[in-house]
Amino acid sequence: MTDLNTVADQTNDQNDDTNGDNQDLTNDKRFNDFIKEARGYGKDTALGADALPKLAISVVRAAKDGILDLDANKDCLKQVYGAYWSQRSNKRYSIHAQGKESQGAQVSKIKQHYLLGKNELFDGEELMDRAVKMYHDKLTSSETKLKPVYAAYTDVARMANDWKATNGATAPSDEEIEACFYPKEKQEKTLTDIIEKVLKELDKVITGTREDGISSQDSEITDAAESLQRFLAKMTLAAELDAFRAQSAKLAAAGLI
């Protein structure tokens, strides 16, 4: 993956060209202006403002207006986020670094907003305007916990990009937008869930399929995995037996058996 710090440095150099000749990016100088805008959001964030939501909204608008176009410039989103991060991570404002994996995830989120701006089914900018107003109305009028604003906007964009017209609808409804604002309830974990997770990790160690390369076929590890598999099978059988007994009791109470 392209290193975003390098992209940011290249973008800075290109945008500081006093002649304004920027063939590596685009002949349209609006892109250069947008890169400067992205840098500004980065600086605002480093100083304490939550600017990523503003950047997301701007990306939707810029994609709609043709300022951002992956067909013309495949690295434009990396350059935008690189410009933002070059200021967000500037040592004058922030001491935090960001790894390539995290950078890639953030560019992927930015792409959701880009795709919303390019959406051909409905006006993505208008939909995002609706989402912004609805989110802030909920934020000020409800005690219900909401997702962080940028996460909410990104989930709205993702939902809208996957949305298909049905029953004559021309765009996602307010209800569909609002559903993106709320965090999913965490399911209560059971002992079976924990054992299954441990077994998956042990299997990766035994088969040598972990990404970090850690592996071992030591007999104590393989024996532990087999023991847990037997325990899991016993737990599964017990749960099935309990379910069968409960169903039988219901049928008996109804006089069906």
C-alpha atoms as a PDB file:
ATOM      1  CA  MET A   1       0.000   0.000   0.000  1.00  0.00           C
ATOM      2  CA  THR A   2       1.152   3.493  -0.757  1.00  0.00           C
ATOM      3  CA  ASP A   3       2.713   5.149   2.280  1.00  0.00           C
ATOM      4  CA  LEU A   4       0.379   8.011   3.162  1.00  0.00           C
ATOM      5  CA  ASN A   5       3.069  10.110   4.783  1.00  0.00           C
ATOM      6  CA  THR A   6       5.008   9.980   1.508  1.00  0.00           C
ATOM      7  CA  VAL A   7       1.841  10.836  -0.405  1.00  0.00           C
ATOM      8  CA  ALA A   8       1.232  13.744   1.948  1.00  0.00           C
ATOM      9  CA  ASP A   9       4.770  15.078   1.438  1.00  0.00           C
ATOM     10  CA  GLN A  10       4.414  14.786  -2.333  1.00  0.00           C
ATOM     11  CA  THR A  11       1.050  16.521  -2.184  1.00  0.00           C
ATOM     12  CA  ASN A  12       2.499  19.334  -0.070  1.00  0.00           C
ATOM     13  CA  ASP A  13       5.325  19.847  -2.562  1.00  0.00           C
ATOM     14  CA  GLN A  14       2.959  19.805  -5.520  1.00  0.00           C
ATOM     15  CA  ASN A  15       0.534  22.240  -3.966  1.00  0.00           C
ATOM     16  CA  ASP A  16       3.319  24.638  -2.990  1.00  0.00           C
ATOM     17  CA  ASP A  17       4.333  24.992  -6.647  1.00  0.00           C
ATOM     18  CA  THR A  18       3.977  28.711  -7.331  1.00  0.00           C
ATOM     19  CA  ASN A  19       3.230  28.020 -11.013  1.00  0.00           C
ATOM     20  CA  GLY A  20       0.214  25.913 -10.060  1.00  0.00           C
ATOM     21  CA  ASP A  21       1.190  23.309 -12.667  1.00  0.00           C
ATOM     22  CA  ASN A  22       0.224  19.964 -11.155  1.00  0.00           C
ATOM     23  CA  GLN A  23       0.090  17.324 -13.863  1.00  0.00           C
ATOM     24  CA  ASP A  24       0.649  14.498 -11.368  1.00  0.00           C
ATOM     25  CA  LEU A  25      -2.686  15.175  -9.684  1.00  0.00           C
ATOM     26  CA  THR A  26      -5.089  16.890 -12.092  1.00  0.00           C
ATOM     27  CA  ASN A  27      -5.303  19.928 -14.302  1.00  0.00           C
ATOM     28  CA  ASP A  28      -8.346  21.014 -12.342  1.00  0.00           C
ATOM     29  CA  LYS A  29      -6.992  23.351  -9.632  1.00  0.00           C
ATOM     30  CA  ARG A  30     -10.069  22.648  -7.509  1.00  0.00           C
ATOM     31  CA  PHE A  31      -8.345  19.429  -6.427  1.00  0.00           C
ATOM     32  CA  ASN A  32      -5.363  21.410  -5.141  1.00  0.00           C
ATOM     33  CA  ASP A  33      -7.736  23.659  -3.219  1.00  0.00           C
ATOM     34  CA  PHE A  34      -9.442  20.603  -1.753  1.00  0.00           C
ATOM     35  CA  ILE A  35      -6.102  19.162  -0.626  1.00  0.00           C
ATOM     36  CA  LYS A  36      -5.460  22.428   1.250  1.00  0.00           C
ATOM     37  CA  GLU A  37      -8.925  22.117   2.784  1.00  0.00           C
ATOM     38  CA  ALA A  38      -8.125  18.572   3.933  1.00  0.00           C
ATOM     39  CA  ARG A  39      -4.899  19.798   5.537  1.00  0.00           C
ATOM     40  CA  GLY A  40      -6.916  22.415   7.371  1.00  0.00           C
ATOM     41  CA  TYR A  41      -9.209  19.773   8.822  1.00  0.00           C
ATOM     42  CA  GLY A  42      -6.155  17.851  10.004  1.00  0.00           C
ATOM     43  CA  LYS A  43      -4.794  20.891  11.787  1.00  0.00           C
ATOM     44  CA  ASP A  44      -8.179  21.561  13.399  1.00  0.00           C
ATOM     45  CA  THR A  45      -8.344  17.994  14.691  1.00  0.00           C
ATOM     46  CA  ALA A  46      -4.860  18.152  16.174  1.00  0.00           C
ATOM     47  CA  LEU A  47      -5.849  21.269  18.046  1.00  0.00           C
ATOM     48  CA  GLY A  48      -8.837  19.498  19.558  1.00  0.00           C
ATOM     49  CA  ALA A  49     -11.662  19.885  17.020  1.00  0.00           C
ATOM     50  CA  ASP A  50     -13.365  16.781  15.652  1.00  0.00           C
ATOM     51  CA  ALA A  51     -12.791  17.541  11.973  1.00  0.00           C
ATOM     52  CA  LEU A  52     -13.103  14.091  10.382  1.00  0.00           C
ATOM     53  CA  PRO A  53     -16.906  14.446  10.064  1.00  0.00           C
ATOM     54  CA  LYS A  54     -16.350  17.757   8.249  1.00  0.00           C
ATOM     55  CA  LEU A  55     -13.834  16.104   5.956  1.00  0.00           C
ATOM     56  CA  ALA A  56     -16.315  13.305   5.234  1.00  0.00           C
ATOM     57  CA  ILE A  57     -19.048  15.776   4.288  1.00  0.00           C
ATOM     58  CA  SER A  58     -16.595  17.648   2.082  1.00  0.00           C
ATOM     59  CA  VAL A  59     -15.553  14.414   0.358  1.00  0.00           C
ATOM     60  CA  VAL A  60     -19.193  13.671  -0.515  1.00  0.00           C
ATOM     61  CA  ARG A  61     -19.546  17.131  -2.042  1.00  0.00           C
ATOM     62  CA  ALA A  62     -16.200  16.991  -3.848  1.00  0.00           C
ATOM     63  CA  ALA A  63     -17.000  13.583  -5.343  1.00  0.00           C
ATOM     64  CA  LYS A  64     -20.374  14.838  -6.543  1.00  0.00           C
ATOM     65  CA  ASP A  65     -18.756  17.921  -8.114  1.00  0.00           C
ATOM     66  CA  GLY A  66     -16.079  15.845  -9.859  1.00  0.00           C
ATOM     67  CA  ILE A  67     -13.193  17.286  -7.850  1.00  0.00           C
ATOM     68  CA  LEU A  68     -12.437  13.767  -6.634  1.00  0.00           C
ATOM     69  CA  ASP A  69     -12.438  11.101  -9.326  1.00  0.00           C
ATOM     70  CA  LEU A  70     -10.769   7.726  -8.849  1.00  0.00           C
ATOM     71  CA  ASP A  71     -10.918   7.055 -12.593  1.00  0.00           C
ATOM     72  CA  ALA A  72      -8.816  10.134 -13.297  1.00  0.00           C
ATOM     73  CA  ASN A  73      -6.571   9.841 -10.228  1.00  0.00           C
ATOM     74  CA  LYS A  74      -6.523   6.455  -8.505  1.00  0.00           C
ATOM     75  CA  ASP A  75      -4.627   7.862  -5.509  1.00  0.00           C
ATOM     76  CA  CYS A  76      -6.849  10.887  -4.899  1.00  0.00           C
ATOM     77  CA  LEU A  77      -8.392   9.512  -1.690  1.00  0.00           C
ATOM     78  CA  LYS A  78      -4.988   8.504  -0.322  1.00  0.00           C
ATOM     79  CA  GLN A  79      -3.757  12.008  -1.147  1.00  0.00           C
ATOM     80  CA  VAL A  80      -6.730  13.608   0.589  1.00  0.00           C
ATOM     81  CA  TYR A  81      -6.331  11.532   3.741  1.00  0.00           C
ATOM     82  CA  GLY A  82      -2.553  11.924   3.536  1.00  0.00           C
ATOM     83  CA  ALA A  83      -2.948  15.706   3.446  1.00  0.00           C
ATOM     84  CA  TYR A  84      -5.335  15.545   6.409  1.00  0.00           C
ATOM     85  CA  TRP A  85      -3.041  13.236   8.394  1.00  0.00           C
ATOM     86  CA  SER A  86       0.107  15.221   7.597  1.00  0.00           C
ATOM     87  CA  GLN A  87      -1.352  17.987   9.753  1.00  0.00           C
ATOM     88  CA  ARG A  88      -3.141  15.707  12.213  1.00  0.00           C
ATOM     89  CA  SER A  89       0.198  14.025  13.002  1.00  0.00           C
ATOM     90  CA  ASN A  90       2.317  17.172  12.832  1.00  0.00           C
ATOM     91  CA  LYS A  91       4.564  17.169  15.899  1.00  0.00           C
ATOM     92  CA  ARG A  92       3.534  20.710  16.660  1.00  0.00           C
ATOM     93  CA  TYR A  93       0.020  19.492  17.260  1.00  0.00           C
ATOM     94  CA  SER A  94       0.137  15.749  17.965  1.00  0.00           C
ATOM     95  CA  ILE A  95       2.604  13.157  19.194  1.00  0.00           C
ATOM     96  CA  HIS A  96       0.632  10.184  17.929  1.00  0.00           C
ATOM     97  CA  ALA A  97       1.660   8.066  14.957  1.00  0.00           C
ATOM     98  CA  GLN A  98      -0.537   5.976  12.707  1.00  0.00           C
ATOM     99  CA  GLY A  99       0.389   2.636  11.175  1.00  0.00           C
ATOM    100  CA  LYS A 100      -0.201   1.643   7.570  1.00  0.00           C
ATOM    101  CA  GLU A 101      -3.010  -0.753   8.517  1.00  0.00           C
ATOM    102  CA  SER A 102      -4.873   2.008  10.332  1.00  0.00           C
ATOM    103  CA  GLN A 103      -4.261   4.424   7.472  1.00  0.00           C
ATOM    104  CA  GLY A 104      -5.682   1.919   5.016  1.00  0.00           C
ATOM    105  CA  ALA A 105      -8.791   1.475   7.147  1.00  0.00           C
ATOM    106  CA  GLN A 106      -9.315   5.241   7.280  1.00  0.00           C
ATOM    107  CA  VAL A 107      -8.917   5.598   3.509  1.00  0.00           C
ATOM    108  CA  SER A 108     -11.491   2.818   3.134  1.00  0.00           C
ATOM    109  CA  LYS A 109     -13.923   4.839   5.257  1.00  0.00           C
ATOM    110  CA  ILE A 110     -13.239   7.960   3.203  1.00  0.00           C
ATOM    111  CA  LYS A 111     -14.055   5.891   0.111  1.00  0.00           C
ATOM    112  CA  GLN A 112     -17.554   5.218   1.462  1.00  0.00           C
ATOM    113  CA  HIS A 113     -18.171   8.972   1.481  1.00  0.00           C
ATOM    114  CA  TYR A 114     -16.653   9.287  -1.986  1.00  0.00           C
ATOM    115  CA  LEU A 115     -18.992   6.567  -3.300  1.00  0.00           C
ATOM    116  CA  LEU A 116     -21.946   8.318  -1.703  1.00  0.00           C
ATOM    117  CA  GLY A 117     -21.058  11.469  -3.620  1.00  0.00           C
ATOM    118  CA  LYS A 118     -20.897   9.434  -6.843  1.00  0.00           C
ATOM    119  CA  ASN A 119     -24.188   7.641  -6.158  1.00  0.00           C
ATOM    120  CA  GLU A 120     -26.383   7.672  -9.260  1.00  0.00           C
ATOM    121  CA  LEU A 121     -29.621   6.533  -7.594  1.00  0.00           C
ATOM    122  CA  PHE A 122     -30.089   9.705  -5.560  1.00  0.00           C
ATOM    123  CA  ASP A 123     -28.314  12.883  -4.481  1.00  0.00           C
ATOM    124  CA  GLY A 124     -25.683  11.727  -1.983  1.00  0.00           C
ATOM    125  CA  GLU A 125     -24.956  15.252  -0.776  1.00  0.00           C
ATOM    126  CA  GLU A 126     -28.626  15.838  -0.014  1.00  0.00           C
ATOM    127  CA  LEU A 127     -28.809  12.526   1.864  1.00  0.00           C
ATOM    128  CA  MET A 128     -25.751  13.406   3.944  1.00  0.00           C
ATOM    129  CA  ASP A 129     -27.291  16.800   4.734  1.00  0.00           C
ATOM    130  CA  ARG A 130     -30.343  14.935   6.050  1.00  0.00           C
ATOM    131  CA  ALA A 131     -28.122  12.652   8.115  1.00  0.00           C
ATOM    132  CA  VAL A 132     -26.207  15.577   9.626  1.00  0.00           C
ATOM    133  CA  LYS A 133     -29.394  17.368  10.695  1.00  0.00           C
ATOM    134  CA  MET A 134     -31.004  14.206  12.046  1.00  0.00           C
ATOM    135  CA  TYR A 135     -27.909  13.192  14.015  1.00  0.00           C
ATOM    136  CA  HIS A 136     -27.580  16.558  15.716  1.00  0.00           C
ATOM    137  CA  ASP A 137     -31.309  16.682  16.430  1.00  0.00           C
ATOM    138  CA  LYS A 138     -31.013  13.295  18.143  1.00  0.00           C
ATOM    139  CA  LEU A 139     -27.844  14.351  19.936  1.00  0.00           C
ATOM    140  CA  THR A 140     -29.540  17.347  21.532  1.00  0.00           C
ATOM    141  CA  SER A 141     -32.996  15.896  22.151  1.00  0.00           C
ATOM    142  CA  SER A 142     -32.399  12.297  23.181  1.00  0.00           C
ATOM    143  CA  GLU A 143     -30.657  10.553  26.038  1.00  0.00           C
ATOM    144  CA  THR A 144     -30.173   7.439  23.895  1.00  0.00           C
ATOM    145  CA  LYS A 145     -26.540   6.606  23.290  1.00  0.00           C
ATOM    146  CA  LEU A 146     -25.384   7.375  19.750  1.00  0.00           C
ATOM    147  CA  LYS A 147     -22.324   6.261  17.821  1.00  0.00           C
ATOM    148  CA  PRO A 148     -19.515   8.829  17.535  1.00  0.00           C
ATOM    149  CA  VAL A 149     -20.463  11.261  14.790  1.00  0.00           C
ATOM    150  CA  TYR A 150     -17.865  10.152  12.219  1.00  0.00           C
ATOM    151  CA  ALA A 151     -18.727   6.483  12.723  1.00  0.00           C
ATOM    152  CA  ALA A 152     -22.408   7.335  12.300  1.00  0.00           C
ATOM    153  CA  TYR A 153     -21.811   9.302   9.090  1.00  0.00           C
ATOM    154  CA  THR A 154     -19.637   6.502   7.694  1.00  0.00           C
ATOM    155  CA  ASP A 155     -22.293   3.887   8.452  1.00  0.00           C
ATOM    156  CA  VAL A 156     -24.912   6.094   6.796  1.00  0.00           C
ATOM    157  CA  ALA A 157     -22.722   6.283   3.686  1.00  0.00           C
ATOM    158  CA  ARG A 158     -22.110   2.514   3.736  1.00  0.00           C
ATOM    159  CA  MET A 159     -25.825   1.803   4.109  1.00  0.00           C
ATOM    160  CA  ALA A 160     -26.697   4.221   1.304  1.00  0.00           C
ATOM    161  CA  ASN A 161     -24.088   2.741  -1.022  1.00  0.00           C
ATOM    162  CA  ASP A 162     -25.587  -0.739  -0.517  1.00  0.00           C
ATOM    163  CA  TRP A 163     -29.170   0.521  -0.733  1.00  0.00           C
ATOM    164  CA  LYS A 164     -31.458  -0.771  -3.467  1.00  0.00           C
ATOM    165  CA  ALA A 165     -34.627   0.991  -4.595  1.00  0.00           C
ATOM    166  CA  THR A 166     -37.740  -0.904  -3.473  1.00  0.00           C
ATOM    167  CA  ASN A 167     -41.485  -0.205  -3.612  1.00  0.00           C
ATOM    168  CA  GLY A 168     -40.973   2.989  -5.554  1.00  0.00           C
ATOM    169  CA  ALA A 169     -38.628   4.526  -2.984  1.00  0.00           C
ATOM    170  CA  THR A 170     -36.063   6.880  -4.548  1.00  0.00           C
ATOM    171  CA  ALA A 171     -33.659   7.154  -1.587  1.00  0.00           C
ATOM    172  CA  PRO A 172     -33.172   5.687   1.901  1.00  0.00           C
ATOM    173  CA  SER A 173     -35.810   6.756   4.407  1.00  0.00           C
ATOM    174  CA  ASP A 174     -35.213   8.782   7.557  1.00  0.00           C
ATOM    175  CA  GLU A 175     -35.761   5.578   9.535  1.00  0.00           C
ATOM    176  CA  GLU A 176     -32.992   3.803   7.606  1.00  0.00           C
ATOM    177  CA  ILE A 177     -30.647   6.729   8.178  1.00  0.00           C
ATOM    178  CA  GLU A 178     -31.460   6.951  11.885  1.00  0.00           C
ATOM    179  CA  ALA A 179     -30.823   3.231  12.363  1.00  0.00           C
ATOM    180  CA  CYS A 180     -27.169   3.905  11.510  1.00  0.00           C
ATOM    181  CA  PHE A 181     -26.794   6.216  14.524  1.00  0.00           C
ATOM    182  CA  TYR A 182     -27.138   3.580  17.234  1.00  0.00           C
ATOM    183  CA  PRO A 183     -24.421   1.160  18.383  1.00  0.00           C
ATOM    184  CA  LYS A 184     -25.242  -2.518  18.114  1.00  0.00           C
ATOM    185  CA  GLU A 185     -26.036  -4.167  21.397  1.00  0.00           C
ATOM    186  CA  LYS A 186     -23.282  -6.478  22.533  1.00  0.00           C
ATOM    187  CA  GLN A 187     -24.451 -10.059  22.766  1.00  0.00           C
ATOM    188  CA  GLU A 188     -23.799 -11.752  26.086  1.00  0.00           C
ATOM    189  CA  LYS A 189     -21.031 -14.311  25.687  1.00  0.00           C
ATOM    190  CA  THR A 190     -21.387 -17.855  26.915  1.00  0.00           C
ATOM    191  CA  LEU A 191     -18.763 -20.374  28.020  1.00  0.00           C
ATOM    192  CA  THR A 192     -19.283 -22.121  24.663  1.00  0.00           C
ATOM    193  CA  ASP A 193     -18.465 -18.911  22.788  1.00  0.00           C
ATOM    194  CA  ILE A 194     -15.212 -18.507  24.729  1.00  0.00           C
ATOM    195  CA  ILE A 195     -14.167 -22.137  24.207  1.00  0.00           C
ATOM    196  CA  GLU A 196     -14.861 -21.870  20.465  1.00  0.00           C
ATOM    197  CA  LYS A 197     -12.679 -18.754  20.242  1.00  0.00           C
ATOM    198  CA  VAL A 198      -9.822 -20.447  22.115  1.00  0.00           C
ATOM    199  CA  LEU A 199     -10.095 -23.481  19.843  1.00  0.00           C
ATOM    200  CA  LYS A 200      -9.877 -21.326  16.720  1.00  0.00           C
ATOM    201  CA  GLU A 201      -6.684 -19.723  17.990  1.00  0.00           C
ATOM    202  CA  LEU A 202      -5.180 -23.079  18.964  1.00  0.00           C
ATOM    203  CA  ASP A 203      -6.037 -24.469  15.531  1.00  0.00           C
ATOM    204  CA  LYS A 204      -4.126 -21.620  13.873  1.00  0.00           C
ATOM    205  CA  VAL A 205      -1.103 -22.316  16.104  1.00  0.00           C
ATOM    206  CA  ILE A 206      -1.183 -26.053  15.376  1.00  0.00           C
ATOM    207  CA  THR A 207      -1.685 -25.647  11.618  1.00  0.00           C
ATOM    208  CA  GLY A 208       0.777 -22.759  11.343  1.00  0.00           C
ATOM    209  CA  THR A 209      -1.764 -20.446   9.726  1.00  0.00           C
ATOM    210  CA  ARG A 210      -1.337 -17.444  12.031  1.00  0.00           C
ATOM    211  CA  GLU A 211      -0.339 -14.271  10.163  1.00  0.00           C
ATOM    212  CA  ASP A 212       2.571 -13.686  12.541  1.00  0.00           C
ATOM    213  CA  GLY A 213       3.965 -17.149  11.792  1.00  0.00           C
ATOM    214  CA  ILE A 214       3.694 -18.478  15.354  1.00  0.00           C
ATOM    215  CA  SER A 215       3.146 -22.234  15.280  1.00  0.00           C
ATOM    216  CA  SER A 216       3.665 -25.328  17.416  1.00  0.00           C
ATOM    217  CA  GLN A 217       2.688 -28.976  17.239  1.00  0.00           C
ATOM    218  CA  ASP A 218       3.780 -29.719  20.812  1.00  0.00           C
ATOM    219  CA  SER A 219       1.799 -32.635  22.200  1.00  0.00           C
ATOM    220  CA  GLU A 220       0.612 -30.618  25.189  1.00  0.00           C
ATOM    221  CA  ILE A 221      -0.940 -28.052  22.827  1.00  0.00           C
ATOM    222  CA  THR A 222      -2.576 -30.644  20.571  1.00  0.00           C
ATOM    223  CA  ASP A 223      -3.808 -32.584  23.622  1.00  0.00           C
ATOM    224  CA  ALA A 224      -5.279 -29.364  25.038  1.00  0.00           C
ATOM    225  CA  ALA A 225      -7.087 -28.718  21.759  1.00  0.00           C
ATOM    226  CA  GLU A 226      -8.515 -32.255  21.700  1.00  0.00           C
ATOM    227  CA  SER A 227      -9.615 -31.928  25.328  1.00  0.00           C
ATOM    228  CA  LEU A 228     -11.383 -28.651  24.608  1.00  0.00           C
ATOM    229  CA  GLN A 229     -13.068 -30.178  21.552  1.00  0.00           C
ATOM    230  CA  ARG A 230     -14.433 -32.990  23.714  1.00  0.00           C
ATOM    231  CA  PHE A 231     -15.604 -30.479  26.327  1.00  0.00           C
ATOM    232  CA  LEU A 232     -17.283 -28.373  23.634  1.00  0.00           C
ATOM    233  CA  ALA A 233     -19.035 -31.436  22.218  1.00  0.00           C
ATOM    234  CA  LYS A 234     -20.309 -32.277  25.725  1.00  0.00           C
ATOM    235  CA  MET A 235     -21.563 -28.692  26.202  1.00  0.00           C
ATOM    236  CA  THR A 236     -23.299 -28.749  22.819  1.00  0.00           C
ATOM    237  CA  LEU A 237     -24.953 -32.095  23.570  1.00  0.00           C
ATOM    238  CA  ALA A 238     -26.122 -30.840  26.969  1.00  0.00           C
ATOM    239  CA  ALA A 239     -27.612 -27.701  25.403  1.00  0.00           C
ATOM    240  CA  GLU A 240     -29.438 -29.775  22.777  1.00  0.00           C
ATOM    241  CA  LEU A 241     -30.772 -32.098  25.464  1.00  0.00           C
ATOM    242  CA  ASP A 242     -32.026 -29.151  27.545  1.00  0.00           C
ATOM    243  CA  ALA A 243     -33.757 -27.699  24.480  1.00  0.00           C
ATOM    244  CA  PHE A 244     -35.378 -31.069  23.725  1.00  0.00           C
ATOM    245  CA  ARG A 245     -36.632 -31.413  27.302  1.00  0.00           C
ATOM    246  CA  ALA A 246     -38.028 -27.872  27.272  1.00  0.00           C
ATOM    247  CA  GLN A 247     -39.860 -28.535  24.000  1.00  0.00           C
ATOM    248  CA  SER A 248     -41.212 -31.818  25.307  1.00  0.00           C
ATOM    249  CA  ALA A 249     -42.495 -30.085  28.443  1.00  0.00           C
ATOM    250  CA  LYS A 250     -44.330 -27.502  26.311  1.00  0.00           C
ATOM    251  CA  LEU A 251     -45.942 -30.184  24.182  1.00  0.00           C
ATOM    252  CA  ALA A 252     -46.952 -32.142  27.294  1.00  0.00           C
ATOM    253  CA  ALA A 253     -48.462 -29.048  28.880  1.00  0.00           C
ATOM    254  CA  ALA A 254     -50.494 -28.487  25.711  1.00  0.00           C
ATOM    255  CA  GLY A 255     -51.695 -32.089  25.786  1.00  0.00           C
ATOM    256  CA  LEU A 256     -50.026 -32.890  22.496  1.00  0.00           C
ATOM    257  CA  ILE A 257     -47.973 -35.771  23.832  1.00  0.00           C
END
